Amino acid sequence: DNPVENPVAIRFRPARTSAGMLAIDLPAGFVAVLNEGACVATVEQAHFTGEQVVRWPTQVVVCEVDLNQLQLTFAPGKASYHWEAGRLHTIEIMVANPEVA
């Protein structure tokens, strides 16, 4: 049986603009769903809830999986993309719990 895949959305509003990394620890037993060996994530930005959402192109989102630490690392992959202060950011990834099919 294949494990059940579920989308997980992480929302945050940075206090300052940064191009830094965001690391997320997955709960024990959960794994990132990989597509050809890479994790796939989408990032959307909006200034306020209800305003126009800007979806980052997939190729500018760096998503790395450290399987030993169960950690996902996200970073803007192009200089023109940043975690902008005051903007609502939503990262969506697919995760699975291999113990539940």
Protein backbone atom coordinates (compact mmCIF):
# COMPACT_ATOMS: atom_id res chain seq x y z
CA ASP A 1 0.00 0.00 0.00
CA ASN A 2 1.08 3.55 -0.71
CA PRO A 3 1.15 6.01 2.19
CA VAL A 4 -1.55 8.67 2.23
CA GLU A 5 -0.28 12.00 0.87
CA ASN A 6 -1.61 15.23 2.33
CA PRO A 7 -0.97 18.88 1.50
CA VAL A 8 0.44 20.93 4.37
CA ALA A 9 0.23 24.72 4.30
CA ILE A 10 2.55 26.84 6.43
CA ARG A 11 1.61 30.51 6.73
CA PHE A 12 3.78 33.26 8.17
CA ARG A 13 4.27 37.01 8.02
CA PRO A 14 7.97 37.99 8.47
CA ALA A 15 8.87 40.98 10.61
CA ARG A 16 11.66 41.95 8.20
CA THR A 17 12.55 41.24 4.58
CA SER A 18 15.02 38.40 4.13
CA ALA A 19 16.34 36.03 1.51
CA GLY A 20 17.29 33.59 4.27
CA MET A 21 16.33 29.98 4.73
CA LEU A 22 13.28 28.67 6.51
CA ALA A 23 13.76 25.26 8.13
CA ILE A 24 10.81 23.11 9.16
CA ASP A 25 11.03 19.95 11.25
CA LEU A 26 8.58 17.22 10.30
CA PRO A 27 6.92 15.12 13.00
CA ALA A 28 8.33 11.64 13.52
CA GLY A 29 7.07 9.21 10.88
CA PHE A 30 6.22 11.88 8.30
CA VAL A 31 8.22 12.35 5.10
CA ALA A 32 8.19 14.86 2.28
CA VAL A 33 6.69 13.51 -0.93
CA LEU A 34 9.44 13.57 -3.56
CA ASN A 35 9.06 14.07 -7.30
CA GLU A 36 12.03 12.54 -9.14
CA GLY A 37 14.12 12.78 -5.97
CA ALA A 38 13.26 16.40 -5.15
CA CYS A 39 10.64 17.92 -2.90
CA VAL A 40 8.17 20.22 -4.57
CA ALA A 41 6.82 23.30 -2.83
CA THR A 42 4.72 26.25 -3.84
CA VAL A 43 5.08 29.71 -2.34
CA GLU A 44 2.45 32.44 -2.48
CA GLN A 45 2.67 36.03 -1.22
CA ALA A 46 -0.12 38.47 -0.40
CA HIS A 47 0.05 41.77 1.44
CA PHE A 48 -3.22 41.32 3.31
CA THR A 49 -5.77 38.56 3.36
CA GLY A 50 -8.04 38.95 0.34
CA GLU A 51 -5.54 40.88 -1.77
CA GLN A 52 -4.09 39.59 -5.02
CA VAL A 53 -1.81 36.63 -4.42
CA VAL A 54 1.56 36.37 -6.14
CA ARG A 55 2.62 32.76 -6.76
CA TRP A 56 6.36 32.32 -7.07
CA PRO A 57 7.48 30.31 -10.12
CA THR A 58 8.34 26.76 -9.04
CA GLN A 59 11.90 27.08 -10.31
CA VAL A 60 12.72 29.90 -7.85
CA VAL A 61 11.76 27.89 -4.74
CA VAL A 62 14.65 25.88 -3.34
CA CYS A 63 13.25 22.98 -1.34
CA GLU A 64 15.72 20.53 0.18
CA VAL A 65 15.04 17.49 2.33
CA ASP A 66 17.40 16.28 5.03
CA LEU A 67 16.09 12.77 5.60
CA ASN A 68 18.30 12.19 8.65
CA GLN A 69 16.92 15.21 10.49
CA LEU A 70 13.46 15.14 8.90
CA GLN A 71 13.91 18.75 7.97
CA LEU A 72 12.73 20.76 4.98
CA THR A 73 14.64 23.87 4.02
CA PHE A 74 13.08 26.57 1.84
CA ALA A 75 14.85 29.53 0.35
CA PRO A 76 14.17 31.97 -2.46
CA GLY A 77 16.30 30.77 -5.37
CA LYS A 78 16.52 34.05 -7.27
CA ALA A 79 17.66 37.48 -6.09
CA SER A 80 14.32 39.08 -7.03
CA TYR A 81 12.36 36.87 -4.56
CA HIS A 82 12.43 37.50 -0.82
CA TRP A 83 10.44 36.74 2.28
CA GLU A 84 8.97 40.26 2.36
CA ALA A 85 8.25 42.00 5.65
CA GLY A 86 4.54 42.35 6.42
CA ARG A 87 3.43 40.09 3.56
CA LEU A 88 1.54 36.89 4.21
CA HIS A 89 3.52 33.95 2.80
CA THR A 90 2.06 30.49 2.29
CA ILE A 91 4.29 27.49 1.61
CA GLU A 92 2.51 24.33 0.55
CA ILE A 93 4.18 20.93 0.43
CA MET A 94 2.97 17.36 0.20
CA VAL A 95 3.82 15.06 3.12
CA ALA A 96 3.04 11.44 3.87
CA ASN A 97 3.02 9.22 6.93
CA PRO A 98 4.39 5.88 5.74
CA GLU A 99 2.72 4.13 8.67
CA VAL A 100 -0.77 5.08 7.41
CA ALA A 101 -1.92 3.72 4.06
